[in-house]
N, C-alpha and C. Protein backbone atom coordinates (compact mmCIF):
# COMPACT_ATOMS: atom_id res chain seq x y z
N MET A 1 -36.92 6.59 -24.74
CA MET A 1 -36.63 6.51 -23.55
C MET A 1 -35.17 5.97 -23.06
N LYS A 2 -34.96 5.23 -23.87
CA LYS A 2 -33.45 4.27 -23.50
C LYS A 2 -32.39 5.83 -23.71
N LEU A 3 -32.69 6.43 -24.77
CA LEU A 3 -31.69 7.34 -25.26
C LEU A 3 -31.47 8.59 -24.27
N LYS A 4 -32.88 8.66 -23.45
CA LYS A 4 -32.69 9.72 -22.33
C LYS A 4 -31.89 9.02 -21.34
N LYS A 5 -32.08 7.53 -20.79
CA LYS A 5 -31.27 7.36 -19.49
C LYS A 5 -29.85 7.38 -19.98
N ILE A 6 -29.45 7.10 -21.27
CA ILE A 6 -28.04 7.03 -21.54
C ILE A 6 -27.29 8.52 -21.36
N SER A 7 -28.18 9.55 -22.11
CA SER A 7 -27.84 10.85 -21.91
C SER A 7 -27.61 11.43 -20.39
N VAL A 8 -28.53 10.79 -19.46
CA VAL A 8 -28.17 10.90 -18.25
C VAL A 8 -27.18 10.67 -17.29
N VAL A 9 -26.90 9.33 -17.78
CA VAL A 9 -25.83 8.70 -17.25
C VAL A 9 -24.33 8.79 -17.97
N LEU A 10 -24.20 9.48 -19.13
CA LEU A 10 -23.37 10.19 -19.45
C LEU A 10 -22.99 11.56 -19.14
N LEU A 11 -24.02 12.48 -18.78
CA LEU A 11 -23.63 13.52 -18.22
C LEU A 11 -23.62 13.50 -16.73
N ALA A 12 -24.09 12.66 -15.88
CA ALA A 12 -23.53 12.43 -14.38
C ALA A 12 -22.12 11.88 -14.59
N GLY A 13 -21.45 11.01 -15.68
CA GLY A 13 -20.25 10.93 -15.55
C GLY A 13 -19.23 12.00 -15.57
N VAL A 14 -19.63 12.95 -16.94
CA VAL A 14 -18.84 14.03 -16.93
C VAL A 14 -18.89 14.88 -15.99
N LEU A 15 -19.93 15.14 -15.19
CA LEU A 15 -20.09 16.18 -13.96
C LEU A 15 -19.26 15.75 -12.76
N THR A 16 -19.24 14.14 -12.81
CA THR A 16 -18.47 13.71 -11.85
C THR A 16 -16.77 13.73 -11.93
N LEU A 17 -16.36 13.59 -13.45
CA LEU A 17 -15.34 13.72 -13.84
C LEU A 17 -14.64 15.13 -13.35
N GLY A 18 -15.48 16.17 -13.74
CA GLY A 18 -15.32 17.58 -13.50
C GLY A 18 -14.99 17.79 -12.10
N ILE A 19 -16.17 17.35 -11.17
CA ILE A 19 -15.79 17.82 -9.89
C ILE A 19 -14.65 17.16 -9.25
N SER A 20 -14.37 16.01 -9.56
CA SER A 20 -12.91 15.36 -9.13
C SER A 20 -12.14 15.97 -9.71
N ALA A 21 -11.92 16.58 -10.83
CA ALA A 21 -10.70 17.29 -11.26
C ALA A 21 -10.34 18.52 -10.51
N VAL A 22 -11.59 19.07 -10.14
CA VAL A 22 -11.53 20.51 -9.36
C VAL A 22 -11.28 20.40 -8.15
N ALA A 23 -11.55 19.15 -7.62
CA ALA A 23 -11.24 19.18 -6.23
C ALA A 23 -9.98 18.58 -5.96
N SER A 24 -9.53 17.84 -6.75
CA SER A 24 -7.74 17.38 -6.85
C SER A 24 -6.99 18.58 -7.03
N ALA A 25 -7.56 19.50 -7.78
CA ALA A 25 -6.51 20.68 -8.09
C ALA A 25 -6.52 21.44 -6.70
N ASN A 26 -7.60 21.53 -5.87
CA ASN A 26 -7.55 22.46 -4.82
C ASN A 26 -6.94 21.70 -3.57
N GLY A 27 -6.65 20.57 -3.74
CA GLY A 27 -5.93 19.71 -2.83
C GLY A 27 -6.97 18.89 -2.07
N ILE A 28 -8.69 18.67 -2.62
CA ILE A 28 -9.31 17.93 -2.04
C ILE A 28 -9.58 16.80 -2.54
N ILE A 29 -9.45 15.54 -2.07
CA ILE A 29 -9.75 14.08 -2.62
C ILE A 29 -11.14 13.78 -2.37
N PRO A 30 -12.09 13.53 -3.17
CA PRO A 30 -13.44 13.03 -2.80
C PRO A 30 -13.40 11.76 -2.56
N LYS A 31 -14.34 10.97 -1.55
CA LYS A 31 -14.17 9.89 -1.15
C LYS A 31 -14.14 8.71 -2.43
N ASN A 32 -15.16 8.91 -3.31
CA ASN A 32 -15.29 8.21 -4.37
C ASN A 32 -14.19 8.27 -5.48
N SER A 33 -13.19 8.99 -5.27
CA SER A 33 -12.15 9.53 -6.39
C SER A 33 -11.28 7.75 -6.30
N VAL A 34 -10.75 7.66 -7.74
CA VAL A 34 -10.03 6.46 -8.01
C VAL A 34 -9.01 6.31 -6.93
N LYS A 35 -8.51 5.34 -6.81
CA LYS A 35 -6.97 5.43 -6.05
C LYS A 35 -5.88 5.84 -6.23
N GLN A 36 -5.80 6.11 -7.17
CA GLN A 36 -4.41 6.84 -7.88
C GLN A 36 -4.24 8.25 -7.34
N LYS A 37 -5.48 8.96 -7.47
CA LYS A 37 -5.61 10.00 -6.86
C LYS A 37 -5.61 10.17 -5.67
N GLN A 38 -5.38 9.26 -4.54
CA GLN A 38 -4.92 9.60 -3.12
C GLN A 38 -3.89 8.91 -2.41
N VAL A 39 -2.88 8.52 -3.52
CA VAL A 39 -1.64 7.87 -3.29
C VAL A 39 -0.84 8.65 -2.41
N ASN A 40 -0.61 10.08 -2.62
CA ASN A 40 0.00 10.99 -1.99
C ASN A 40 -0.71 11.97 -1.10
N THR A 41 -2.05 11.72 -0.92
CA THR A 41 -2.87 12.38 0.18
C THR A 41 -3.31 11.49 1.43
N LEU A 42 -4.49 11.20 1.03
CA LEU A 42 -5.38 10.35 2.10
C LEU A 42 -4.68 9.09 2.49
N ASP A 43 -4.19 8.59 1.67
CA ASP A 43 -3.58 7.15 1.85
C ASP A 43 -2.44 7.13 2.68
N LYS A 44 -1.52 8.30 2.45
CA LYS A 44 -0.48 8.57 3.26
C LYS A 44 -0.78 9.17 4.82
N GLY A 45 -2.20 9.37 5.17
CA GLY A 45 -2.66 9.88 6.27
C GLY A 45 -2.54 11.50 6.32
N TYR A 46 -2.60 12.33 5.40
CA TYR A 46 -2.12 13.63 5.23
C TYR A 46 -2.85 13.93 4.20
N LYS A 47 -3.59 15.68 4.16
CA LYS A 47 -3.59 16.06 2.96
C LYS A 47 -2.86 17.89 2.86
N LEU A 48 -2.93 18.32 1.82
CA LEU A 48 -2.69 19.81 1.77
C LEU A 48 -3.77 20.65 1.53
N VAL A 49 -4.19 21.39 2.26
CA VAL A 49 -5.31 22.23 1.91
C VAL A 49 -4.78 23.98 2.21
N ASN A 50 -4.92 24.45 0.93
CA ASN A 50 -3.98 25.89 1.08
C ASN A 50 -3.02 25.87 1.50
N GLY A 51 -2.17 24.87 0.94
CA GLY A 51 -0.74 24.98 1.32
C GLY A 51 -0.26 24.29 2.53
N ASN A 52 -1.28 23.97 3.59
CA ASN A 52 -0.90 23.63 4.92
C ASN A 52 -1.35 22.05 4.83
N VAL A 53 -0.90 21.25 6.14
CA VAL A 53 -1.09 19.99 6.09
C VAL A 53 -2.15 19.46 7.27
N TYR A 54 -2.75 18.88 6.88
CA TYR A 54 -3.82 18.66 7.56
C TYR A 54 -4.08 16.97 7.80
N ASP A 55 -4.42 16.48 8.93
CA ASP A 55 -4.32 14.89 8.95
C ASP A 55 -5.90 14.74 8.58
N LYS A 56 -6.17 13.48 8.19
CA LYS A 56 -7.27 12.50 7.63
C LYS A 56 -8.59 12.96 8.14
N TYR A 57 -8.51 13.58 9.51
CA TYR A 57 -9.71 13.81 10.30
C TYR A 57 -9.98 15.56 10.15
N GLY A 58 -9.12 16.24 9.57
CA GLY A 58 -9.36 17.53 9.16
C GLY A 58 -8.71 18.50 10.36
N ASN A 59 -7.51 17.58 11.13
CA ASN A 59 -7.00 18.57 12.35
C ASN A 59 -5.73 19.36 11.59
N LEU A 60 -5.39 20.25 12.02
CA LEU A 60 -4.24 21.35 11.33
C LEU A 60 -3.03 20.27 11.90
N LEU A 61 -1.76 20.12 11.16
CA LEU A 61 -0.97 19.70 11.59
C LEU A 61 0.23 20.44 11.58
N ILE A 62 0.64 20.90 10.48
CA ILE A 62 1.88 21.81 10.13
C ILE A 62 1.02 23.34 9.34
N VAL A 63 1.57 24.45 9.75
CA VAL A 63 1.44 25.52 8.85
C VAL A 63 2.55 25.79 8.24
N MET A 64 2.41 25.56 6.81
CA MET A 64 3.30 25.96 6.12
C MET A 64 3.46 27.48 5.48
N LYS A 65 4.72 27.73 5.23
CA LYS A 65 4.74 29.30 4.72
C LYS A 65 5.70 29.30 3.38
N ASN A 66 5.24 29.34 1.98
CA ASN A 66 5.92 29.34 0.90
C ASN A 66 6.46 27.74 0.86
N GLY A 67 5.97 26.94 1.31
CA GLY A 67 6.55 25.56 1.05
C GLY A 67 7.38 25.24 2.19
N PHE A 68 7.38 25.86 3.05
CA PHE A 68 8.36 25.68 4.45
C PHE A 68 7.47 25.80 5.77
N THR A 69 8.14 24.81 6.52
CA THR A 69 7.47 24.84 8.02
C THR A 69 7.73 26.11 8.77
N PRO A 70 7.21 26.65 9.62
CA PRO A 70 7.92 27.85 10.66
C PRO A 70 9.09 27.72 11.17
N ASP A 71 9.68 26.28 11.22
CA ASP A 71 11.21 26.22 11.62
C ASP A 71 11.94 26.04 10.25
N GLY A 72 11.67 26.43 9.20
CA GLY A 72 12.36 26.31 8.00
C GLY A 72 12.64 25.02 7.27
N TYR A 73 11.81 24.03 7.45
CA TYR A 73 11.72 22.75 6.90
C TYR A 73 10.61 22.57 5.65
N THR A 74 11.22 21.74 4.47
CA THR A 74 10.03 21.22 3.88
C THR A 74 9.81 19.91 4.30
N LEU A 75 8.78 19.33 3.41
CA LEU A 75 8.28 18.02 3.94
C LEU A 75 9.02 17.02 2.94
N SER A 76 9.58 16.10 3.32
CA SER A 76 10.09 14.96 2.49
C SER A 76 8.91 14.13 1.61
N PRO A 77 9.74 13.92 0.50
CA PRO A 77 8.51 13.20 -0.39
C PRO A 77 7.98 11.80 -0.11
N ASN A 78 8.44 11.10 1.16
CA ASN A 78 7.88 10.30 1.73
C ASN A 78 7.05 10.65 3.00
N PHE A 79 6.77 11.90 3.27
CA PHE A 79 6.28 12.46 4.40
C PHE A 79 4.98 11.47 4.83
N SER A 80 4.65 10.96 5.99
CA SER A 80 3.65 10.44 6.34
C SER A 80 3.11 10.78 7.82
N VAL A 81 1.95 10.30 8.32
CA VAL A 81 1.20 10.39 9.59
C VAL A 81 1.14 9.44 10.13
N VAL A 82 1.45 8.97 11.03
CA VAL A 82 1.27 7.63 12.00
C VAL A 82 0.39 7.97 13.10
N TYR A 83 -1.22 7.40 12.89
CA TYR A 83 -2.17 7.68 13.80
C TYR A 83 -2.01 6.85 15.16
N GLY A 84 -2.42 7.30 16.23
CA GLY A 84 -2.26 6.38 17.66
C GLY A 84 -3.61 5.48 17.45
N ASP A 85 -4.48 6.17 16.83
CA ASP A 85 -5.90 5.23 17.10
C ASP A 85 -6.06 4.37 15.70
N THR A 86 -5.38 4.50 15.05
CA THR A 86 -5.38 3.63 13.58
C THR A 86 -4.62 2.78 13.46
N THR A 87 -3.40 2.68 13.97
CA THR A 87 -2.36 2.03 13.99
C THR A 87 -1.73 1.01 15.30
N ILE A 88 -1.24 -0.20 15.06
CA ILE A 88 -1.12 -1.02 16.03
C ILE A 88 -0.10 -0.29 17.11
N GLU A 89 -0.33 0.11 18.16
CA GLU A 89 0.05 0.49 19.40
C GLU A 89 0.92 -0.65 20.42
N ASP A 90 2.12 -0.64 20.46
CA ASP A 90 2.80 -1.71 20.88
C ASP A 90 3.12 -0.93 22.53
N THR A 91 2.82 -2.00 23.61
CA THR A 91 2.96 -1.56 24.83
C THR A 91 4.54 -1.53 25.28
N ALA A 92 4.69 -0.34 25.73
CA ALA A 92 6.24 -0.66 26.19
C ALA A 92 6.57 -1.49 26.90
N SER A 93 7.54 -2.10 26.41
CA SER A 93 8.32 -3.32 26.98
C SER A 93 9.65 -3.37 27.37
N SER A 94 10.12 -4.05 28.55
CA SER A 94 11.19 -3.84 28.86
C SER A 94 12.38 -4.20 28.10
N ARG A 95 12.16 -5.62 27.23
CA ARG A 95 12.77 -5.72 26.31
C ARG A 95 13.35 -4.89 25.01
N VAL A 96 12.57 -3.99 24.64
CA VAL A 96 12.66 -2.97 23.88
C VAL A 96 13.62 -2.02 24.65
N ALA A 97 13.22 -1.80 25.80
CA ALA A 97 13.82 -0.35 26.33
C ALA A 97 15.28 -0.87 26.73
N ALA A 98 15.50 -2.28 26.78
CA ALA A 98 16.86 -2.31 27.39
C ALA A 98 17.76 -2.26 26.03
N THR A 99 17.47 -2.63 24.99
CA THR A 99 18.31 -2.27 23.77
C THR A 99 18.21 -1.02 23.15
N GLY A 100 19.44 -1.01 22.01
CA GLY A 100 19.52 0.39 21.34
C GLY A 100 20.23 1.38 22.14
N THR A 101 20.57 2.78 21.19
CA THR A 101 21.16 3.73 21.64
C THR A 101 20.39 4.89 22.39
N ASP A 102 20.17 5.02 23.47
CA ASP A 102 19.41 6.21 23.92
C ASP A 102 19.86 7.65 23.37
N ILE A 103 18.89 8.32 22.76
CA ILE A 103 18.59 9.43 22.30
C ILE A 103 18.37 10.59 23.55
N PHE A 104 16.89 10.08 24.09
CA PHE A 104 16.79 10.71 25.46
C PHE A 104 15.90 9.80 26.28
N ASN A 105 16.15 9.78 27.44
CA ASN A 105 15.52 8.96 28.35
C ASN A 105 15.32 9.62 29.61
N GLY A 106 13.93 10.64 29.74
CA GLY A 106 13.55 11.31 31.27
C GLY A 106 12.66 12.08 31.12
N THR A 107 12.17 13.11 31.72
CA THR A 107 11.31 13.76 31.91
C THR A 107 11.34 15.11 31.19
N LYS A 108 10.57 15.50 30.38
CA LYS A 108 10.60 16.65 29.66
C LYS A 108 9.26 17.65 29.73
N GLY A 109 9.34 18.83 29.69
CA GLY A 109 8.13 19.64 29.63
C GLY A 109 7.82 19.61 28.36
N VAL A 110 6.58 19.47 27.84
CA VAL A 110 6.11 19.74 26.50
C VAL A 110 5.06 20.86 26.26
N PRO A 111 5.02 21.51 25.20
CA PRO A 111 3.86 22.44 25.03
C PRO A 111 2.66 21.80 24.14
N LYS A 112 1.71 22.50 24.44
CA LYS A 112 0.43 22.12 23.91
C LYS A 112 0.53 22.20 22.18
N ASN A 113 0.09 21.22 21.48
CA ASN A 113 -0.07 21.13 20.08
C ASN A 113 -1.26 22.05 19.83
N THR A 114 -1.09 22.93 18.49
CA THR A 114 -2.03 23.43 17.70
C THR A 114 -1.84 23.39 16.65
N ASN A 115 -0.51 23.22 16.16
CA ASN A 115 -0.28 23.35 14.67
C ASN A 115 1.19 22.69 14.35
N GLU A 116 1.53 21.96 15.12
CA GLU A 116 2.87 21.46 15.21
C GLU A 116 4.21 22.37 15.30
N THR A 117 3.90 23.42 15.51
CA THR A 117 5.31 24.25 15.31
C THR A 117 5.84 24.50 16.81
N GLN A 118 4.92 23.94 17.82
CA GLN A 118 5.34 24.10 19.24
C GLN A 118 6.40 23.39 19.70
N GLY A 119 6.79 22.17 18.93
CA GLY A 119 7.34 21.45 19.53
C GLY A 119 8.77 21.58 20.05
N VAL A 120 8.81 20.41 21.06
CA VAL A 120 10.23 20.93 21.75
C VAL A 120 11.14 19.75 21.59
N LYS A 121 12.25 19.75 21.20
CA LYS A 121 13.38 19.03 20.99
C LYS A 121 13.47 18.34 21.98
N VAL A 122 13.60 16.82 21.88
CA VAL A 122 13.66 15.62 22.70
C VAL A 122 15.29 15.13 22.52
N GLY A 123 16.27 15.24 23.22
CA GLY A 123 17.51 14.88 23.31
C GLY A 123 18.36 15.74 22.14
N SER A 124 19.32 15.03 21.79
CA SER A 124 20.35 15.74 20.62
C SER A 124 20.16 15.31 19.60
N ASP A 125 20.85 16.19 18.21
CA ASP A 125 20.50 15.34 16.71
C ASP A 125 21.45 13.90 16.70
N PHE A 126 20.98 13.09 16.03
CA PHE A 126 21.45 11.87 16.06
C PHE A 126 21.68 11.34 14.50
N SER A 127 22.47 10.20 14.38
CA SER A 127 22.40 9.60 13.38
C SER A 127 21.67 7.98 13.42
N ILE A 128 21.37 7.54 12.02
CA ILE A 128 20.82 6.20 12.22
C ILE A 128 21.96 5.22 11.41
N THR A 129 22.08 4.18 12.00
CA THR A 129 23.07 3.35 11.81
C THR A 129 22.50 2.13 11.15
N SER A 130 23.36 1.41 10.20
CA SER A 130 22.94 0.04 9.63
C SER A 130 22.55 -1.32 11.02
N SER A 131 23.47 -1.14 11.89
CA SER A 131 22.96 -1.84 13.00
C SER A 131 21.83 -1.74 13.78
N GLU A 132 21.56 -0.27 13.76
CA GLU A 132 20.39 0.17 14.36
C GLU A 132 19.53 1.12 13.70
N PRO A 133 19.00 0.34 12.44
CA PRO A 133 18.09 1.12 11.45
C PRO A 133 16.91 1.91 11.87
N ASP A 134 16.34 1.49 13.10
CA ASP A 134 14.85 1.92 13.62
C ASP A 134 14.85 3.03 14.58
N LEU A 135 13.79 3.54 14.38
CA LEU A 135 13.53 4.39 15.69
C LEU A 135 12.39 4.21 16.61
N TYR A 136 12.94 4.13 18.05
CA TYR A 136 11.72 3.69 18.89
C TYR A 136 11.27 5.11 19.78
N LEU A 137 10.44 5.26 20.09
CA LEU A 137 9.63 6.13 20.57
C LEU A 137 8.57 5.68 21.77
N GLU A 138 8.77 5.95 23.15
CA GLU A 138 7.74 5.50 24.12
C GLU A 138 7.48 6.88 24.76
N TYR A 139 6.24 7.23 25.13
CA TYR A 139 5.66 7.85 26.30
C TYR A 139 5.23 7.07 27.37
N SER A 140 6.01 7.11 28.70
CA SER A 140 5.67 6.29 29.61
C SER A 140 4.51 6.79 30.37
N SER A 141 4.85 7.99 30.83
CA SER A 141 3.62 8.35 31.73
C SER A 141 4.04 10.26 31.82
N GLY A 142 2.89 10.53 32.35
CA GLY A 142 2.88 12.22 32.51
C GLY A 142 1.68 12.70 32.64
N THR A 143 1.29 14.20 32.79
CA THR A 143 0.26 14.78 32.93
C THR A 143 -0.79 15.05 31.71
N VAL A 144 -0.07 14.77 30.47
CA VAL A 144 -0.56 14.85 29.33
C VAL A 144 -1.40 13.62 28.70
N ASP A 145 -2.76 13.62 28.25
CA ASP A 145 -3.06 12.48 27.62
C ASP A 145 -2.25 11.62 26.85
N ARG A 146 -2.06 12.35 25.58
CA ARG A 146 -1.31 11.66 24.58
C ARG A 146 -0.21 12.82 23.92
N VAL A 147 0.79 12.22 23.48
CA VAL A 147 2.27 12.97 23.15
C VAL A 147 1.92 12.46 21.51
N ASN A 148 2.58 13.86 20.79
CA ASN A 148 2.59 13.80 19.25
C ASN A 148 4.29 13.97 19.10
N PHE A 149 4.93 12.90 18.25
CA PHE A 149 6.42 13.20 17.73
C PHE A 149 6.46 13.61 16.60
N SER A 150 7.59 14.29 16.13
CA SER A 150 7.94 14.73 14.86
C SER A 150 9.21 14.22 14.59
N LEU A 151 9.60 13.59 13.38
CA LEU A 151 10.90 13.04 13.04
C LEU A 151 11.53 14.00 12.30
N THR A 152 12.71 14.88 12.12
CA THR A 152 13.09 15.82 11.07
C THR A 152 14.48 15.30 10.50
N ASN A 153 14.73 15.22 9.27
CA ASN A 153 16.20 15.04 8.74
C ASN A 153 16.59 16.32 8.67
N ILE A 154 17.52 16.52 9.62
CA ILE A 154 18.47 18.18 9.73
C ILE A 154 19.14 18.25 8.48
N THR A 155 19.60 17.17 7.98
CA THR A 155 20.59 17.16 6.77
C THR A 155 20.24 17.80 5.51
N THR A 156 19.04 17.13 5.44
CA THR A 156 17.90 17.54 4.12
C THR A 156 16.89 18.61 4.46
N GLY A 157 16.95 18.89 5.92
CA GLY A 157 15.93 19.83 6.09
C GLY A 157 14.37 19.77 5.70
N GLN A 158 14.16 18.20 5.92
CA GLN A 158 12.57 17.99 5.37
C GLN A 158 12.17 17.34 6.86
N VAL A 159 11.25 17.38 7.10
CA VAL A 159 10.02 16.50 7.89
C VAL A 159 9.69 14.91 7.38
N VAL A 160 10.11 14.12 8.48
CA VAL A 160 9.97 12.73 7.69
C VAL A 160 8.71 12.18 8.05
N THR A 161 8.33 12.63 9.31
CA THR A 161 6.94 11.88 9.78
C THR A 161 6.58 12.67 10.75
N TRP A 162 5.38 12.32 11.42
CA TRP A 162 4.50 12.64 12.52
C TRP A 162 3.76 11.61 13.16
N PHE A 163 4.01 11.46 14.32
CA PHE A 163 3.27 10.39 15.18
C PHE A 163 2.23 11.01 16.09
N SER A 164 0.75 10.86 15.63
CA SER A 164 -0.15 11.41 16.24
C SER A 164 -0.75 10.53 17.78
N ASN A 165 -0.95 10.92 18.68
CA ASN A 165 -1.61 10.66 19.60
C ASN A 165 -0.94 9.32 20.36
N VAL A 166 0.42 9.33 20.61
CA VAL A 166 0.80 8.17 21.26
C VAL A 166 0.27 8.44 23.01
N GLN A 167 -0.36 7.19 23.44
CA GLN A 167 -1.04 7.27 24.67
C GLN A 167 0.20 6.68 25.62
N ALA A 168 0.01 7.20 26.97
CA ALA A 168 0.83 6.96 27.95
C ALA A 168 1.11 5.55 28.10
N GLY A 169 2.06 4.78 28.35
CA GLY A 169 2.30 3.21 28.44
C GLY A 169 2.54 3.00 27.08
N LYS A 170 2.36 3.88 25.89
CA LYS A 170 2.55 2.95 24.47
C LYS A 170 3.93 3.47 23.81
N SER A 171 3.86 2.95 23.00
CA SER A 171 5.27 3.18 22.09
C SER A 171 5.06 2.78 20.44
N ARG A 172 6.04 3.64 19.78
CA ARG A 172 6.17 3.35 18.48
C ARG A 172 7.44 2.85 17.73
N THR A 173 7.71 2.15 16.97
CA THR A 173 8.81 1.91 16.32
C THR A 173 8.81 2.16 14.96
N PHE A 174 9.49 3.06 14.40
CA PHE A 174 9.36 3.49 13.13
C PHE A 174 10.72 2.77 12.31
N THR A 175 10.09 1.96 11.35
CA THR A 175 11.41 1.30 10.66
C THR A 175 11.47 1.98 9.26
N GLY A 176 12.71 1.90 8.41
CA GLY A 176 12.96 2.37 7.32
C GLY A 176 13.44 4.00 7.53
N VAL A 177 13.94 4.55 8.73
CA VAL A 177 14.73 5.67 8.39
C VAL A 177 16.15 5.64 8.05
N TYR A 178 16.90 4.32 8.18
CA TYR A 178 18.18 4.23 7.77
C TYR A 178 18.05 4.11 6.24
N ASN A 179 19.07 4.87 5.58
CA ASN A 179 19.47 4.81 4.06
C ASN A 179 20.74 4.55 3.88
N SER A 180 21.36 3.63 3.43
CA SER A 180 22.40 3.37 2.79
C SER A 180 23.37 4.39 2.12
N SER A 181 22.61 5.02 1.11
CA SER A 181 22.98 6.22 0.55
C SER A 181 23.31 7.34 1.31
N ARG A 182 22.85 7.51 2.44
CA ARG A 182 22.87 8.69 3.06
C ARG A 182 23.05 8.53 4.64
N SER A 183 23.92 7.67 4.97
CA SER A 183 24.39 7.22 6.15
C SER A 183 24.57 8.03 7.05
N GLY A 184 25.49 9.57 6.45
CA GLY A 184 25.76 10.34 7.39
C GLY A 184 24.64 11.46 7.71
N ASP A 185 23.26 11.01 7.48
CA ASP A 185 22.19 12.35 7.65
C ASP A 185 21.94 12.26 9.26
N THR A 186 21.66 13.29 9.76
CA THR A 186 21.45 13.68 11.00
C THR A 186 20.03 13.62 11.44
N PHE A 187 19.47 13.72 12.51
CA PHE A 187 17.95 13.60 12.48
C PHE A 187 17.79 14.23 14.20
N ASN A 188 16.48 14.85 14.15
CA ASN A 188 16.05 15.25 15.74
C ASN A 188 14.67 14.80 15.62
N VAL A 189 14.33 14.51 16.91
CA VAL A 189 12.75 14.25 17.05
C VAL A 189 12.38 15.47 18.38
N LYS A 190 10.89 16.18 17.73
CA LYS A 190 10.15 16.81 18.91
C LYS A 190 8.96 16.16 19.39
N ALA A 191 8.58 17.16 20.37
CA ALA A 191 7.16 16.60 20.88
C ALA A 191 6.39 17.36 21.52
N THR A 192 5.28 17.21 21.29
CA THR A 192 4.20 18.16 21.71
C THR A 192 3.13 17.39 22.44
N GLY A 193 2.39 18.30 23.50
CA GLY A 193 1.34 17.52 24.12
C GLY A 193 -0.23 17.71 23.51
N GLN A 194 -0.68 16.57 23.49
CA GLN A 194 -2.18 16.77 22.49
C GLN A 194 -3.28 17.12 23.46
N GLY A 195 -3.56 18.30 23.32
CA GLY A 195 -4.83 18.72 24.28
C GLY A 195 -4.30 19.41 25.45
N GLY A 196 -3.08 19.54 25.76
CA GLY A 196 -2.84 20.18 26.74
C GLY A 196 -1.00 20.18 27.04
N SER A 197 -0.44 20.81 27.77
CA SER A 197 1.10 20.97 28.08
C SER A 197 1.30 20.52 29.10
N GLY A 198 2.41 19.97 29.61
CA GLY A 198 2.59 19.45 30.95
C GLY A 198 4.15 18.59 30.95
N ASN A 199 4.38 17.84 32.17
CA ASN A 199 5.63 17.10 32.01
C ASN A 199 5.32 15.73 31.56
N VAL A 200 6.34 15.06 30.91
CA VAL A 200 6.12 13.85 30.43
C VAL A 200 7.45 13.00 30.38
N THR A 201 7.14 11.54 30.87
CA THR A 201 8.63 10.86 30.50
C THR A 201 8.44 10.05 29.63
N LEU A 202 9.57 10.38 28.59
CA LEU A 202 9.67 9.76 27.16
C LEU A 202 11.17 9.16 27.20
N THR A 203 11.19 8.25 26.00
CA THR A 203 12.30 7.49 25.59
C THR A 203 12.39 7.46 24.18
N VAL A 204 13.69 8.11 23.62
CA VAL A 204 13.82 8.23 22.37
C VAL A 204 15.26 7.11 22.21
N LYS A 205 15.21 6.43 21.10
CA LYS A 205 16.12 5.43 20.76
C LYS A 205 16.49 4.97 19.36
N THR A 206 17.49 4.57 19.07
CA THR A 206 17.75 4.17 17.73
C THR A 206 17.56 2.52 18.32
N VAL A 207 17.04 1.75 17.29
CA VAL A 207 16.92 0.22 17.90
C VAL A 207 17.33 -0.68 16.82
N PRO A 208 18.07 -2.24 16.98
CA PRO A 208 18.12 -2.63 15.84
C PRO A 208 16.65 -2.95 15.39
N HIS A 209 16.60 -3.67 13.98
CA HIS A 209 15.45 -4.17 13.44
C HIS A 209 14.90 -5.32 13.82
N SER A 210 13.71 -5.65 14.52
CA SER A 210 13.35 -6.73 14.95
C SER A 210 12.94 -7.74 13.77
């Protein structure tokens, strides 16, 4: 009787490992898989399924073609997704708005997001300096419930991060953009409406590290 129980346990263990290996090979990370297998997928807030980028809720973010986004970019090795419903949302403050260098401050028409490829460029290309190493993004008001932002490194041709579902009256501050070894790199920000298109008032600026 004890031998049968041991055999069943061992068989279950082999099956679990086999399923995990197959799932990982297909870009699917089981909920009960070990932490190491999630480091480059769910722990960063996204996963690759059939070569495309999905968020952890199964929503399609970026349609990739042969490893490139439709506008010709790859994903940075540190690519991440920042969620509006699972991260701290800062209420837009006049203190932050009064500091830093404006990339864009005004009203912009944004298209409805379906797969991140519809993003409209917000402001001009810009660089990140050691004195203002962080990026501040604010959705002040508009006819769209939430706004998504993407940050792309134009010099390397890589999408760095995706900010999902930023509510009106909320802001994000993204740290770690500045890289002293690549201080000359240029970036741009694009925006889409979540759930619809419309006119939105946005602020994008580089700011000192708080």
